Amino acid sequence: MNIYPENFETKINFETIREYLKEYCLSPMGIEKVDAMHFSIDFNTINSWLTETEEFTTILKQKEKFPTEHYIDLRDVLKQIETDALIWMSEKEISLFLHSLQTILDIVQFFNSENFSIIENNKYPILKNRANQIKISPSILDKANAILDKSGHIKDQASKLLSNIRKNIIEAEKDISKSMTAALRSAQSQGIIGKDVKADMRGDHFLIPVTASNKRKIKGIVRDSSGSGKTFFIEPKAVVAASNRLRELQNEERKEIIRILNEFTNYIRPQIKEILEAYDFLGMIDFIQAKASFAIRINAVKPKLQNSQIVEWHHAIHPLLDLSLRKEHKKAYPLDILLNSKQRILIVSGVNAGGKTLCLKTVALLQYMLQCGLLIPVDTYSKAGVFNKIFMDIGDGQSMENSLSTYTSHLTHMKFFVEHNDDKTLLMIDEFGGGTEPQIGGAIAEALLQRFNDKKSFGLITTHFQNLKHFAYMNEGVVNGAMLFDAVNNRPLYKLSIGNPGSSFAIEVARRIGLHESIITDASNKIGKDYFNMDYLLQTLSEEYQIVGVEPTKVEETLEEIEEIIKSQPIKPLEIPLESKVNIQVGDKVRLIGQYNLGTVIELKNKDAVVAFGMIKTKVNLSKLEIVN
């Protein structure tokens, strides 16, 4: 299973993305493609999907005259005539076929247009390659145009016989008119009917209304009578003969039309396979233009795609949230997200309702969109990779059917993750270890995190547990991140800072809403000084980041510039004597080099020490510790 859980699309609201795409489709064929849209792990396939969509966004943005009419679905009709030799296409069906086939050929012609300059000749290579695979003979259009007029009816000149029949029909209709006029005048001159009486048309017959007493005075056939029986409707004998002749001609006309329709149907029948492929192409173009239209709506682009596992997104936006906020004249907050071979797993912490879950959902949705061939709302210089598996655990997963508790459901997901994750897996876990007693939940979460890291999986994990934040400090491949919080104005900033863990700001929030200070003091005493100091430190780091106000990416760019200057103007390093190594013993007070939190050494194992930081125990390499007096 590449995607977990089964309702992954529902969890990330991907069904809403499909509905948006369907709104842009011009035909049922395009809608079918939207429904069939799926997750892929093949780099070349994904790259092709993204490139052709990117090409079509250019067509739309440059407002080129691309064919957008007559995206008509005639596949069912074509399949019927392919399998049943007794079925032929009707005039209307041929007319629709003619228009839609003309659209297909116009699209092919668009990508091979002589209007493109020599430089632009390969302007849309992926779409052009698709178009050039369509092998439809223009003679089909010539054949259809030869038998249909502009209104979609069979032309008089569709065959010589039909032309003659229709001329005779005109003459027959004139004969009927003449005979009827003569019959009326005769009846009027004999006083059988009044001078103001006119012929009545009933069914296909021209009739003269006469009174019951006069019905035998006109030679012909009684075709009808009034309800009272006082009036009879007679078709004069001369008119009967002319009408019979007309009906014979009309039957001949229908037979000849059927013959012409059959002839055309038989002409295209051997080419049905190629024609159906052309209609599939039309549906695909409809699908691609829908993807491109939606991409423009959400300001999406094709990031620099790499055939590896990487998420290096700048100003990533959750598209559905942004569309919703636009209605209120607001915008979604952008996120900078980085996962690569050096920092594969990001532990995101911070205040509740600060955007941690939104960050996770943004990554899940955008990566899934990308591997379904959809452009994503990030900056153009962003980089993206391909993952073979995407696993997500978000929400409690409870249902009336299984009655699983939140934590049991969570562990069920974790069991699947541990059994199936690898170095090409993207894991997304919300509130890691939550739902049970904190110490046990945190310990199990850390053990799971160790296994995910050992397999070199990638992931984004949200948590409040301090031991997981500590794990990120101590283990390569795992890095802390924080959703920033404005402690002064008591509001989340919805910005992700990578490099430092976040504080839950629980005490700060409690103080600002007016909870009595004695309660806060008691809580601080109960939780322990070490934990309180750690949370205060995290708050301070968050505030310092906001004061500096420089994004990590900008810092990296500045450092790169400094390195270039140093390379061009070498400076002799200062000679600093190495400090003498101090033997760390059990019971010593220590801290991580460069950090503030104090711990106690409770056990030594070769080159490692087991250190207790408050209630948290962790194994640390001795080279990363220093003794504190």
Foldseek 3Di string as FASTA:
>chain_A
DFEPDPCLCVVLVVVVVLVLLVVLFPEVLQNVVSVVQAFDQDQVVLVLLQLLLQLLLVCVVVVPPQDDPLLDDPLVVLVVVLVDLVDFDDLVRLVSVLVNVVNLVSNLCVLCDPPQDPVCNCVRVSLNVLSVVQDDDCVLNVLSPLQADPVSHGDCVLDPVSVVLVVVLVVLVVQLVVVQVVQLVVCCVVVQDPPPFDWDDDDNATWGKGFPVSPVVAAADFDDADPVRGITTGGGPSNVVSSVVNVVSVVVNVVVSVVSRSVSSVVCNVVSVSVVSSSSSSSVVSNSSSLSVVCVVQVFHAAAEDAAAWWFFAFFAQRVVQVVCVVVVDGGGGEGDTADLFAQEEEEEEAPVQQQVVVLSSVSVQLRCSSSSHTGPTDRHTYHYGASHEYEDDDQPADPVPRDGSVRSVVVSLVVCLVDDALRYEYEYEAQLPDDDVVVSVVVSVVSVVSCVVRNHGYYYYHQDPLVQVVQVFDTNHWYKYQAADLVVGGTPNYIATHHYAANCPLSNCVVVPPDVVVSVVVCVVVDVLVVVVNVVRNVVRVVCVVVPDHPVVVVVVVVVVVVVCVVPPDDDDDDDDDDDDDDDAQFWKDFVPDDQIWGFHDDDVQWTFTDRDPDTDIHGVVRMDTDD
